[in-house]
Full PDB file with SEQRES, HELIX, SHEET, SSBOND, CRYST1, ORIGX, SCALE, CONECT and MASTER records, all heavy atoms in Angstrom:
SEQRES   1 A   41  ASN LEU GLY VAL VAL MET ALA GLN ALA ASP LEU CYS THR          
SEQRES   2 A   41  ILE ILE VAL ASP THR ASP LEU ARG GLN PRO THR GLN HIS          
SEQRES   3 A   41  LYS ILE PHE ARG VAL PRO ASN SER SER GLY VAL THR ASP          
SEQRES   4 A   41  LEU LEU                                                      
HELIX    1 AA1 LEU A    2  GLN A    8  1                                   7    
HELIX    2 AA2 GLN A   25  ILE A   28  1                                   4    
HELIX    3 AA3 VAL A   37  LEU A   40  1                                   4    
CRYST1    1.000    1.000    1.000  90.00  90.00  90.00 P 1           1          
ORIGX1      1.000000  0.000000  0.000000        0.00000                         
ORIGX2      0.000000  1.000000  0.000000        0.00000                         
ORIGX3      0.000000  0.000000  1.000000        0.00000                         
SCALE1      1.000000  0.000000  0.000000        0.00000                         
SCALE2      0.000000  1.000000  0.000000        0.00000                         
SCALE3      0.000000  0.000000  1.000000        0.00000                         
ATOM      1  N   ASN A   1       0.814  -1.217   0.000  1.00  0.00           N  
ATOM      2  CA  ASN A   1       0.000   0.000   0.000  1.00  0.00           C  
ATOM      3  C   ASN A   1       0.846   1.265   0.000  1.00  0.00           C  
ATOM      4  O   ASN A   1       0.492   2.259  -0.646  1.00  0.00           O  
ATOM      5  CB  ASN A   1      -0.971  -0.001   1.180  1.00  0.00           C  
ATOM      6  CG  ASN A   1      -2.142  -0.919   0.923  1.00  0.00           C  
ATOM      7  OD1 ASN A   1      -2.867  -0.762  -0.043  1.00  0.00           O  
ATOM      8  ND2 ASN A   1      -2.309  -1.904   1.787  1.00  0.00           N  
ATOM      9  N   LEU A   2       1.954   1.221   0.686  1.00  0.00           N  
ATOM     10  CA  LEU A   2       2.871   2.357   0.678  1.00  0.00           C  
ATOM     11  C   LEU A   2       3.427   2.562  -0.736  1.00  0.00           C  
ATOM     12  O   LEU A   2       3.555   3.696  -1.203  1.00  0.00           O  
ATOM     13  CB  LEU A   2       3.997   2.116   1.681  1.00  0.00           C  
ATOM     14  CG  LEU A   2       4.903   3.280   2.018  1.00  0.00           C  
ATOM     15  CD1 LEU A   2       4.118   4.501   2.451  1.00  0.00           C  
ATOM     16  CD2 LEU A   2       5.885   2.859   3.108  1.00  0.00           C  
ATOM     17  N   GLY A   3       3.711   1.466  -1.425  1.00  0.00           N  
ATOM     18  CA  GLY A   3       4.156   1.554  -2.817  1.00  0.00           C  
ATOM     19  C   GLY A   3       3.119   2.217  -3.700  1.00  0.00           C  
ATOM     20  O   GLY A   3       3.447   3.061  -4.540  1.00  0.00           O  
ATOM     21  N   VAL A   4       1.871   1.873  -3.512  1.00  0.00           N  
ATOM     22  CA  VAL A   4       0.786   2.456  -4.309  1.00  0.00           C  
ATOM     23  C   VAL A   4       0.687   3.960  -4.056  1.00  0.00           C  
ATOM     24  O   VAL A   4       0.611   4.749  -5.001  1.00  0.00           O  
ATOM     25  CB  VAL A   4      -0.558   1.743  -4.029  1.00  0.00           C  
ATOM     26  CG1 VAL A   4      -1.720   2.499  -4.667  1.00  0.00           C  
ATOM     27  CG2 VAL A   4      -0.514   0.302  -4.536  1.00  0.00           C  
ATOM     28  N   VAL A   5       0.711   4.385  -2.781  1.00  0.00           N  
ATOM     29  CA  VAL A   5       0.568   5.820  -2.511  1.00  0.00           C  
ATOM     30  C   VAL A   5       1.811   6.602  -2.932  1.00  0.00           C  
ATOM     31  O   VAL A   5       1.701   7.768  -3.319  1.00  0.00           O  
ATOM     32  CB  VAL A   5       0.172   6.141  -1.046  1.00  0.00           C  
ATOM     33  CG1 VAL A   5      -1.172   5.540  -0.705  1.00  0.00           C  
ATOM     34  CG2 VAL A   5       1.233   5.730  -0.056  1.00  0.00           C  
ATOM     35  N   MET A   6       2.968   5.972  -2.892  1.00  0.00           N  
ATOM     36  CA  MET A   6       4.179   6.634  -3.406  1.00  0.00           C  
ATOM     37  C   MET A   6       4.035   6.845  -4.911  1.00  0.00           C  
ATOM     38  O   MET A   6       4.320   7.929  -5.428  1.00  0.00           O  
ATOM     39  CB  MET A   6       5.434   5.797  -3.113  1.00  0.00           C  
ATOM     40  CG  MET A   6       5.800   5.697  -1.666  1.00  0.00           C  
ATOM     41  SD  MET A   6       6.735   7.118  -1.132  1.00  0.00           S  
ATOM     42  CE  MET A   6       7.332   6.587   0.445  1.00  0.00           C  
ATOM     43  N   ALA A   7       3.581   5.817  -5.601  1.00  0.00           N  
ATOM     44  CA  ALA A   7       3.396   5.908  -7.055  1.00  0.00           C  
ATOM     45  C   ALA A   7       2.325   6.936  -7.408  1.00  0.00           C  
ATOM     46  O   ALA A   7       2.465   7.676  -8.384  1.00  0.00           O  
ATOM     47  CB  ALA A   7       3.037   4.534  -7.615  1.00  0.00           C  
ATOM     48  N   GLN A   8       1.265   7.006  -6.619  1.00  0.00           N  
ATOM     49  CA  GLN A   8       0.207   7.996  -6.852  1.00  0.00           C  
ATOM     50  C   GLN A   8       0.710   9.428  -6.663  1.00  0.00           C  
ATOM     51  O   GLN A   8       0.130  10.360  -7.209  1.00  0.00           O  
ATOM     52  CB  GLN A   8      -0.986   7.739  -5.922  1.00  0.00           C  
ATOM     53  CG  GLN A   8      -1.773   6.511  -6.304  1.00  0.00           C  
ATOM     54  CD  GLN A   8      -2.835   6.152  -5.274  1.00  0.00           C  
ATOM     55  OE1 GLN A   8      -2.796   6.586  -4.122  1.00  0.00           O  
ATOM     56  NE2 GLN A   8      -3.789   5.331  -5.690  1.00  0.00           N  
ATOM     57  N   ALA A   9       1.794   9.583  -5.913  1.00  0.00           N  
ATOM     58  CA  ALA A   9       2.404  10.902  -5.707  1.00  0.00           C  
ATOM     59  C   ALA A   9       3.431  11.201  -6.814  1.00  0.00           C  
ATOM     60  O   ALA A   9       4.275  12.076  -6.654  1.00  0.00           O  
ATOM     61  CB  ALA A   9       3.060  10.972  -4.340  1.00  0.00           C  
ATOM     62  N   ASP A  10       3.329  10.466  -7.910  1.00  0.00           N  
ATOM     63  CA  ASP A  10       4.225  10.625  -9.066  1.00  0.00           C  
ATOM     64  C   ASP A  10       5.680  10.319  -8.752  1.00  0.00           C  
ATOM     65  O   ASP A  10       6.581  10.878  -9.377  1.00  0.00           O  
ATOM     66  CB  ASP A  10       4.088  12.025  -9.682  1.00  0.00           C  
ATOM     67  CG  ASP A  10       2.769  12.199 -10.411  1.00  0.00           C  
ATOM     68  OD1 ASP A  10       2.251  11.201 -10.955  1.00  0.00           O  
ATOM     69  OD2 ASP A  10       2.260  13.327 -10.430  1.00  0.00           O  
ATOM     70  N   LEU A  11       5.913   9.444  -7.800  1.00  0.00           N  
ATOM     71  CA  LEU A  11       7.267   8.978  -7.518  1.00  0.00           C  
ATOM     72  C   LEU A  11       7.462   7.642  -8.216  1.00  0.00           C  
ATOM     73  O   LEU A  11       6.642   6.731  -8.050  1.00  0.00           O  
ATOM     74  CB  LEU A  11       7.480   8.804  -6.010  1.00  0.00           C  
ATOM     75  CG  LEU A  11       7.421  10.076  -5.173  1.00  0.00           C  
ATOM     76  CD1 LEU A  11       7.385   9.734  -3.689  1.00  0.00           C  
ATOM     77  CD2 LEU A  11       8.606  10.968  -5.489  1.00  0.00           C  
ATOM     78  N   CYS A  12       8.510   7.537  -8.999  1.00  0.00           N  
ATOM     79  CA  CYS A  12       8.843   6.258  -9.626  1.00  0.00           C  
ATOM     80  C   CYS A  12       9.227   5.312  -8.493  1.00  0.00           C  
ATOM     81  O   CYS A  12      10.198   5.556  -7.771  1.00  0.00           O  
ATOM     82  CB  CYS A  12       9.989   6.445 -10.608  1.00  0.00           C  
ATOM     83  SG  CYS A  12      10.483   4.899 -11.387  1.00  0.00           S  
ATOM     84  N   THR A  13       8.446   4.239  -8.326  1.00  0.00           N  
ATOM     85  CA  THR A  13       8.561   3.377  -7.147  1.00  0.00           C  
ATOM     86  C   THR A  13       8.781   1.932  -7.554  1.00  0.00           C  
ATOM     87  O   THR A  13       8.146   1.428  -8.476  1.00  0.00           O  
ATOM     88  CB  THR A  13       7.279   3.484  -6.292  1.00  0.00           C  
ATOM     89  OG1 THR A  13       7.028   4.861  -6.001  1.00  0.00           O  
ATOM     90  CG2 THR A  13       7.402   2.707  -5.003  1.00  0.00           C  
ATOM     91  N   ILE A  14       9.692   1.275  -6.833  1.00  0.00           N  
ATOM     92  CA  ILE A  14       9.921  -0.165  -7.009  1.00  0.00           C  
ATOM     93  C   ILE A  14       9.769  -0.819  -5.643  1.00  0.00           C  
ATOM     94  O   ILE A  14      10.339  -0.352  -4.657  1.00  0.00           O  
ATOM     95  CB  ILE A  14      11.328  -0.467  -7.567  1.00  0.00           C  
ATOM     96  CG1 ILE A  14      11.523   0.164  -8.946  1.00  0.00           C  
ATOM     97  CG2 ILE A  14      11.565  -1.982  -7.626  1.00  0.00           C  
ATOM     98  CD1 ILE A  14      12.942   0.050  -9.494  1.00  0.00           C  
ATOM     99  N   ILE A  15       8.996  -1.897  -5.602  1.00  0.00           N  
ATOM    100  CA  ILE A  15       8.911  -2.733  -4.406  1.00  0.00           C  
ATOM    101  C   ILE A  15       9.801  -3.945  -4.668  1.00  0.00           C  
ATOM    102  O   ILE A  15       9.717  -4.567  -5.730  1.00  0.00           O  
ATOM    103  CB  ILE A  15       7.471  -3.186  -4.117  1.00  0.00           C  
ATOM    104  CG1 ILE A  15       6.598  -1.986  -3.761  1.00  0.00           C  
ATOM    105  CG2 ILE A  15       7.447  -4.234  -3.000  1.00  0.00           C  
ATOM    106  CD1 ILE A  15       5.126  -2.320  -3.595  1.00  0.00           C  
ATOM    107  N   VAL A  16      10.648  -4.277  -3.692  1.00  0.00           N  
ATOM    108  CA  VAL A  16      11.530  -5.437  -3.808  1.00  0.00           C  
ATOM    109  C   VAL A  16      11.193  -6.388  -2.669  1.00  0.00           C  
ATOM    110  O   VAL A  16      11.265  -6.012  -1.500  1.00  0.00           O  
ATOM    111  CB  VAL A  16      13.021  -5.020  -3.734  1.00  0.00           C  
ATOM    112  CG1 VAL A  16      13.921  -6.237  -3.924  1.00  0.00           C  
ATOM    113  CG2 VAL A  16      13.339  -3.947  -4.774  1.00  0.00           C  
ATOM    114  N   ASP A  17      10.822  -7.611  -3.021  1.00  0.00           N  
ATOM    115  CA  ASP A  17      10.476  -8.596  -1.998  1.00  0.00           C  
ATOM    116  C   ASP A  17      11.753  -9.295  -1.545  1.00  0.00           C  
ATOM    117  O   ASP A  17      12.233 -10.218  -2.189  1.00  0.00           O  
ATOM    118  CB  ASP A  17       9.460  -9.602  -2.528  1.00  0.00           C  
ATOM    119  CG  ASP A  17       8.766 -10.350  -1.395  1.00  0.00           C  
ATOM    120  OD1 ASP A  17       9.315 -10.372  -0.267  1.00  0.00           O  
ATOM    121  OD2 ASP A  17       7.682 -10.913  -1.635  1.00  0.00           O  
ATOM    122  N   THR A  18      12.312  -8.819  -0.436  1.00  0.00           N  
ATOM    123  CA  THR A  18      13.517  -9.430   0.115  1.00  0.00           C  
ATOM    124  C   THR A  18      13.190 -10.377   1.271  1.00  0.00           C  
ATOM    125  O   THR A  18      14.072 -10.734   2.047  1.00  0.00           O  
ATOM    126  CB  THR A  18      14.522  -8.349   0.582  1.00  0.00           C  
ATOM    127  OG1 THR A  18      13.856  -7.421   1.430  1.00  0.00           O  
ATOM    128  CG2 THR A  18      15.141  -7.633  -0.596  1.00  0.00           C  
ATOM    129  N   ASP A  19      11.935 -10.790   1.354  1.00  0.00           N  
ATOM    130  CA  ASP A  19      11.591 -11.862   2.285  1.00  0.00           C  
ATOM    131  C   ASP A  19      11.858 -13.155   1.528  1.00  0.00           C  
ATOM    132  O   ASP A  19      10.994 -13.660   0.796  1.00  0.00           O  
ATOM    133  CB  ASP A  19      10.132 -11.769   2.733  1.00  0.00           C  
ATOM    134  CG  ASP A  19       9.820 -12.755   3.849  1.00  0.00           C  
ATOM    135  OD1 ASP A  19      10.539 -13.776   3.964  1.00  0.00           O  
ATOM    136  OD2 ASP A  19       8.862 -12.517   4.596  1.00  0.00           O  
ATOM    137  N   LEU A  20      13.070 -13.650   1.666  1.00  0.00           N  
ATOM    138  CA  LEU A  20      13.497 -14.828   0.908  1.00  0.00           C  
ATOM    139  C   LEU A  20      13.162 -16.124   1.629  1.00  0.00           C  
ATOM    140  O   LEU A  20      13.686 -17.180   1.297  1.00  0.00           O  
ATOM    141  CB  LEU A  20      15.010 -14.742   0.630  1.00  0.00           C  
ATOM    142  CG  LEU A  20      15.471 -13.484  -0.114  1.00  0.00           C  
ATOM    143  CD1 LEU A  20      16.976 -13.531  -0.365  1.00  0.00           C  
ATOM    144  CD2 LEU A  20      14.714 -13.298  -1.411  1.00  0.00           C  
ATOM    145  N   ARG A  21      12.258 -16.039   2.588  1.00  0.00           N  
ATOM    146  CA  ARG A  21      11.791 -17.216   3.320  1.00  0.00           C  
ATOM    147  C   ARG A  21      10.298 -17.449   3.083  1.00  0.00           C  
ATOM    148  O   ARG A  21       9.882 -18.567   2.803  1.00  0.00           O  
ATOM    149  CB  ARG A  21      12.083 -17.066   4.810  1.00  0.00           C  
ATOM    150  CG  ARG A  21      13.575 -17.010   5.097  1.00  0.00           C  
ATOM    151  CD  ARG A  21      13.870 -16.617   6.510  1.00  0.00           C  
ATOM    152  NE  ARG A  21      15.273 -16.338   6.718  1.00  0.00           N  
ATOM    153  CZ  ARG A  21      16.174 -17.230   7.123  1.00  0.00           C  
ATOM    154  NH1 ARG A  21      15.820 -18.470   7.346  1.00  0.00           N  
ATOM    155  NH2 ARG A  21      17.428 -16.872   7.305  1.00  0.00           N  
ATOM    156  N   GLN A  22       9.496 -16.383   3.209  1.00  0.00           N  
ATOM    157  CA  GLN A  22       8.056 -16.471   2.964  1.00  0.00           C  
ATOM    158  C   GLN A  22       7.611 -15.237   2.189  1.00  0.00           C  
ATOM    159  O   GLN A  22       6.940 -14.356   2.739  1.00  0.00           O  
ATOM    160  CB  GLN A  22       7.288 -16.588   4.277  1.00  0.00           C  
ATOM    161  CG  GLN A  22       7.554 -17.877   5.006  1.00  0.00           C  
ATOM    162  CD  GLN A  22       6.707 -18.031   6.256  1.00  0.00           C  
ATOM    163  OE1 GLN A  22       6.282 -17.055   6.866  1.00  0.00           O  
ATOM    164  NE2 GLN A  22       6.457 -19.260   6.624  1.00  0.00           N  
ATOM    165  N   PRO A  23       7.966 -15.172   0.915  1.00  0.00           N  
ATOM    166  CA  PRO A  23       7.626 -13.990   0.117  1.00  0.00           C  
ATOM    167  C   PRO A  23       6.122 -13.850  -0.078  1.00  0.00           C  
ATOM    168  O   PRO A  23       5.399 -14.843  -0.138  1.00  0.00           O  
ATOM    169  CB  PRO A  23       8.337 -14.242  -1.211  1.00  0.00           C  
ATOM    170  CG  PRO A  23       8.495 -15.725  -1.282  1.00  0.00           C  
ATOM    171  CD  PRO A  23       8.645 -16.199   0.133  1.00  0.00           C  
ATOM    172  N   THR A  24       5.669 -12.596  -0.167  1.00  0.00           N  
ATOM    173  CA  THR A  24       4.236 -12.329  -0.261  1.00  0.00           C  
ATOM    174  C   THR A  24       3.866 -11.379  -1.385  1.00  0.00           C  
ATOM    175  O   THR A  24       2.752 -11.427  -1.888  1.00  0.00           O  
ATOM    176  CB  THR A  24       3.745 -11.728   1.075  1.00  0.00           C  
ATOM    177  OG1 THR A  24       4.126 -12.597   2.136  1.00  0.00           O  
ATOM    178  CG2 THR A  24       2.248 -11.555   1.108  1.00  0.00           C  
ATOM    179  N   GLN A  25       4.773 -10.500  -1.775  1.00  0.00           N  
ATOM    180  CA  GLN A  25       4.420  -9.456  -2.737  1.00  0.00           C  
ATOM    181  C   GLN A  25       3.865 -10.017  -4.041  1.00  0.00           C  
ATOM    182  O   GLN A  25       2.936  -9.450  -4.622  1.00  0.00           O  
ATOM    183  CB  GLN A  25       5.611  -8.527  -3.005  1.00  0.00           C  
ATOM    184  CG  GLN A  25       6.024  -7.698  -1.805  1.00  0.00           C  
ATOM    185  CD  GLN A  25       4.937  -6.775  -1.306  1.00  0.00           C  
ATOM    186  OE1 GLN A  25       4.161  -6.218  -2.069  1.00  0.00           O  
ATOM    187  NE2 GLN A  25       4.877  -6.595   0.009  1.00  0.00           N  
ATOM    188  N   HIS A  26       4.391 -11.131  -4.516  1.00  0.00           N  
ATOM    189  CA  HIS A  26       3.868 -11.707  -5.765  1.00  0.00           C  
ATOM    190  C   HIS A  26       2.402 -12.134  -5.607  1.00  0.00           C  
ATOM    191  O   HIS A  26       1.629 -12.055  -6.563  1.00  0.00           O  
ATOM    192  CB  HIS A  26       4.734 -12.877  -6.242  1.00  0.00           C  
ATOM    193  CG  HIS A  26       4.668 -14.086  -5.360  1.00  0.00           C  
ATOM    194  ND1 HIS A  26       5.315 -14.166  -4.141  1.00  0.00           N  
ATOM    195  CD2 HIS A  26       4.026 -15.258  -5.519  1.00  0.00           C  
ATOM    196  CE1 HIS A  26       5.081 -15.342  -3.596  1.00  0.00           C  
ATOM    197  NE2 HIS A  26       4.291 -16.030  -4.407  1.00  0.00           N  
ATOM    198  N   LYS A  27       2.016 -12.545  -4.404  1.00  0.00           N  
ATOM    199  CA  LYS A  27       0.628 -12.918  -4.152  1.00  0.00           C  
ATOM    200  C   LYS A  27      -0.259 -11.668  -4.115  1.00  0.00           C  
ATOM    201  O   LYS A  27      -1.363 -11.671  -4.659  1.00  0.00           O  
ATOM    202  CB  LYS A  27       0.504 -13.681  -2.834  1.00  0.00           C  
ATOM    203  CG  LYS A  27       1.198 -15.027  -2.848  1.00  0.00           C  
ATOM    204  CD  LYS A  27       1.128 -15.678  -1.480  1.00  0.00           C  
ATOM    205  CE  LYS A  27       1.953 -16.948  -1.446  1.00  0.00           C  
ATOM    206  NZ  LYS A  27       2.022 -17.515  -0.098  1.00  0.00           N  
ATOM    207  N   ILE A  28       0.220 -10.616  -3.454  1.00  0.00           N  
ATOM    208  CA  ILE A  28      -0.554  -9.381  -3.349  1.00  0.00           C  
ATOM    209  C   ILE A  28      -0.839  -8.810  -4.738  1.00  0.00           C  
ATOM    210  O   ILE A  28      -1.963  -8.404  -5.028  1.00  0.00           O  
ATOM    211  CB  ILE A  28       0.179  -8.352  -2.463  1.00  0.00           C  
ATOM    212  CG1 ILE A  28       0.221  -8.840  -1.008  1.00  0.00           C  
ATOM    213  CG2 ILE A  28      -0.480  -6.971  -2.552  1.00  0.00           C  
ATOM    214  CD1 ILE A  28       1.094  -8.003  -0.081  1.00  0.00           C  
ATOM    215  N   PHE A  29       0.189  -8.785  -5.591  1.00  0.00           N  
ATOM    216  CA  PHE A  29       0.037  -8.192  -6.922  1.00  0.00           C  
ATOM    217  C   PHE A  29      -0.344  -9.224  -7.997  1.00  0.00           C  
ATOM    218  O   PHE A  29      -0.468  -8.879  -9.165  1.00  0.00           O  
ATOM    219  CB  PHE A  29       1.312  -7.439  -7.319  1.00  0.00           C  
ATOM    220  CG  PHE A  29       1.497  -6.174  -6.522  1.00  0.00           C  
ATOM    221  CD1 PHE A  29       2.388  -6.125  -5.463  1.00  0.00           C  
ATOM    222  CD2 PHE A  29       0.754  -5.038  -6.820  1.00  0.00           C  
ATOM    223  CE1 PHE A  29       2.548  -4.954  -4.723  1.00  0.00           C  
ATOM    224  CE2 PHE A  29       0.900  -3.870  -6.096  1.00  0.00           C  
ATOM    225  CZ  PHE A  29       1.804  -3.833  -5.039  1.00  0.00           C  
ATOM    226  N   ARG A  30      -0.501 -10.481  -7.578  1.00  0.00           N  
ATOM    227  CA  ARG A  30      -0.954 -11.556  -8.467  1.00  0.00           C  
ATOM    228  C   ARG A  30      -0.075 -11.692  -9.710  1.00  0.00           C  
ATOM    229  O   ARG A  30      -0.556 -11.612 -10.846  1.00  0.00           O  
ATOM    230  CB  ARG A  30      -2.415 -11.346  -8.856  1.00  0.00           C  
ATOM    231  CG  ARG A  30      -3.323 -11.411  -7.654  1.00  0.00           C  
ATOM    232  CD  ARG A  30      -4.768 -11.250  -8.034  1.00  0.00           C  
ATOM    233  NE  ARG A  30      -5.572 -11.344  -6.832  1.00  0.00           N  
ATOM    234  CZ  ARG A  30      -6.700 -10.707  -6.660  1.00  0.00           C  
ATOM    235  NH1 ARG A  30      -7.193  -9.954  -7.623  1.00  0.00           N  
ATOM    236  NH2 ARG A  30      -7.373 -10.838  -5.548  1.00  0.00           N  
ATOM    237  N   VAL A  31       1.222 -11.889  -9.441  1.00  0.00           N  
ATOM    238  CA  VAL A  31       2.191 -12.091 -10.516  1.00  0.00           C  
ATOM    239  C   VAL A  31       3.008 -13.340 -10.189  1.00  0.00           C  
ATOM    240  O   VAL A  31       3.076 -13.769  -9.036  1.00  0.00           O  
ATOM    241  CB  VAL A  31       3.118 -10.865 -10.693  1.00  0.00           C  
ATOM    242  CG1 VAL A  31       2.316  -9.634 -11.092  1.00  0.00           C  
ATOM    243  CG2 VAL A  31       3.941 -10.595  -9.452  1.00  0.00           C  
ATOM    244  N   PRO A  32       3.642 -13.942 -11.196  1.00  0.00           N  
ATOM    245  CA  PRO A  32       4.480 -15.123 -10.935  1.00  0.00           C  
ATOM    246  C   PRO A  32       5.707 -14.775 -10.096  1.00  0.00           C  
ATOM    247  O   PRO A  32       6.161 -13.637 -10.085  1.00  0.00           O  
ATOM    248  CB  PRO A  32       4.907 -15.583 -12.337  1.00  0.00           C  
ATOM    249  CG  PRO A  32       4.128 -14.781 -13.310  1.00  0.00           C  
ATOM    250  CD  PRO A  32       3.561 -13.596 -12.609  1.00  0.00           C  
ATOM    251  N   ASN A  33       6.250 -15.778  -9.436  1.00  0.00           N  
ATOM    252  CA  ASN A  33       7.454 -15.600  -8.629  1.00  0.00           C  
ATOM    253  C   ASN A  33       8.553 -16.544  -9.105  1.00  0.00           C  
ATOM    254  O   ASN A  33       9.278 -17.125  -8.318  1.00  0.00           O  
ATOM    255  CB  ASN A  33       7.153 -15.844  -7.145  1.00  0.00           C  
ATOM    256  CG  ASN A  33       8.316 -15.445  -6.248  1.00  0.00           C  
ATOM    257  OD1 ASN A  33       9.119 -14.603  -6.602  1.00  0.00           O  
ATOM    258  ND2 ASN A  33       8.393 -16.065  -5.086  1.00  0.00           N  
ATOM    259  N   SER A  34       8.672 -16.698 -10.408  1.00  0.00           N  
ATOM    260  CA  SER A  34       9.641 -17.647 -10.954  1.00  0.00           C  
ATOM    261  C   SER A  34      11.066 -17.109 -10.956  1.00  0.00           C  
ATOM    262  O   SER A  34      12.019 -17.877 -10.958  1.00  0.00           O  
ATOM    263  CB  SER A  34       9.230 -18.062 -12.366  1.00  0.00           C  
ATOM    264  OG  SER A  34       9.025 -16.904 -13.160  1.00  0.00           O  
ATOM    265  N   SER A  35      11.220 -15.796 -10.956  1.00  0.00           N  
ATOM    266  CA  SER A  35      12.553 -15.202 -10.889  1.00  0.00           C  
ATOM    267  C   SER A  35      12.443 -13.880 -10.143  1.00  0.00           C  
ATOM    268  O   SER A  35      11.352 -13.358  -9.943  1.00  0.00           O  
ATOM    269  CB  SER A  35      13.123 -14.987 -12.293  1.00  0.00           C  
ATOM    270  OG  SER A  35      12.358 -14.031 -12.994  1.00  0.00           O  
ATOM    271  N   GLY A  36      13.591 -13.353  -9.724  1.00  0.00           N  
ATOM    272  CA  GLY A  36      13.555 -12.096  -8.971  1.00  0.00           C  
ATOM    273  C   GLY A  36      14.866 -11.772  -8.300  1.00  0.00           C  
ATOM    274  O   GLY A  36      15.933 -11.878  -8.898  1.00  0.00           O  
ATOM    275  N   VAL A  37      14.792 -11.406  -7.026  1.00  0.00           N  
ATOM    276  CA  VAL A  37      15.956 -10.958  -6.260  1.00  0.00           C  
ATOM    277  C   VAL A  37      17.065 -12.002  -6.256  1.00  0.00           C  
ATOM    278  O   VAL A  37      18.237 -11.674  -6.466  1.00  0.00           O  
ATOM    279  CB  VAL A  37      15.559 -10.602  -4.804  1.00  0.00           C  
ATOM    280  CG1 VAL A  37      16.781 -10.309  -3.957  1.00  0.00           C  
ATOM    281  CG2 VAL A  37      14.606  -9.429  -4.782  1.00  0.00           C  
ATOM    282  N   THR A  38      16.714 -13.247  -6.012  1.00  0.00           N  
ATOM    283  CA  THR A  38      17.764 -14.274  -5.941  1.00  0.00           C  
ATOM    284  C   THR A  38      18.503 -14.392  -7.268  1.00  0.00           C  
ATOM    285  O   THR A  38      19.715 -14.604  -7.272  1.00  0.00           O  
ATOM    286  CB  THR A  38      17.194 -15.641  -5.520  1.00  0.00           C  
ATOM    287  OG1 THR A  38      16.084 -15.973  -6.350  1.00  0.00           O  
ATOM    288  CG2 THR A  38      16.766 -15.631  -4.066  1.00  0.00           C  
ATOM    289  N   ASP A  39      17.808 -14.225  -8.379  1.00  0.00           N  
ATOM    290  CA  ASP A  39      18.478 -14.263  -9.679  1.00  0.00           C  
ATOM    291  C   ASP A  39      19.457 -13.103  -9.813  1.00  0.00           C  
ATOM    292  O   ASP A  39      20.564 -13.266 -10.336  1.00  0.00           O  
ATOM    293  CB  ASP A  39      17.447 -14.217 -10.816  1.00  0.00           C  
ATOM    294  CG  ASP A  39      16.547 -15.427 -10.800  1.00  0.00           C  
ATOM    295  OD1 ASP A  39      16.965 -16.491 -11.277  1.00  0.00           O  
ATOM    296  OD2 ASP A  39      15.429 -15.308 -10.265  1.00  0.00           O  
ATOM    297  N   LEU A  40      19.045 -11.922  -9.355  1.00  0.00           N  
ATOM    298  CA  LEU A  40      19.920 -10.747  -9.418  1.00  0.00           C  
ATOM    299  C   LEU A  40      21.153 -10.919  -8.532  1.00  0.00           C  
ATOM    300  O   LEU A  40      22.229 -10.429  -8.855  1.00  0.00           O  
ATOM    301  CB  LEU A  40      19.145  -9.488  -9.015  1.00  0.00           C  
ATOM    302  CG  LEU A  40      18.066  -9.028  -9.988  1.00  0.00           C  
ATOM    303  CD1 LEU A  40      17.210  -7.932  -9.364  1.00  0.00           C  
ATOM    304  CD2 LEU A  40      18.682  -8.556 -11.295  1.00  0.00           C  
ATOM    305  N   LEU A  41      20.999 -11.614  -7.423  1.00  0.00           N  
ATOM    306  CA  LEU A  41      22.121 -11.800  -6.509  1.00  0.00           C  
ATOM    307  C   LEU A  41      23.051 -12.934  -6.929  1.00  0.00           C  
ATOM    308  O   LEU A  41      24.262 -12.861  -6.707  1.00  0.00           O  
ATOM    309  CB  LEU A  41      21.605 -12.056  -5.088  1.00  0.00           C  
ATOM    310  CG  LEU A  41      20.871 -10.894  -4.437  1.00  0.00           C  
ATOM    311  CD1 LEU A  41      20.307 -11.305  -3.083  1.00  0.00           C  
ATOM    312  CD2 LEU A  41      21.775  -9.680  -4.308  1.00  0.00           C  
TER     313      LEU A  41                                                      
MASTER        0    0    0    3    0    0    0    6  312    1    0    4          
END                                                                             
């Protein structure tokens, strides 16, 4: 929700799910979680 209100304030916003044990952001935004932070690292 903080990401949404930041974006609504015309701020270019990125949410990064660094919960590498029980990630949730992909569920909230209903997107796949096949790749992400771990791939970048």
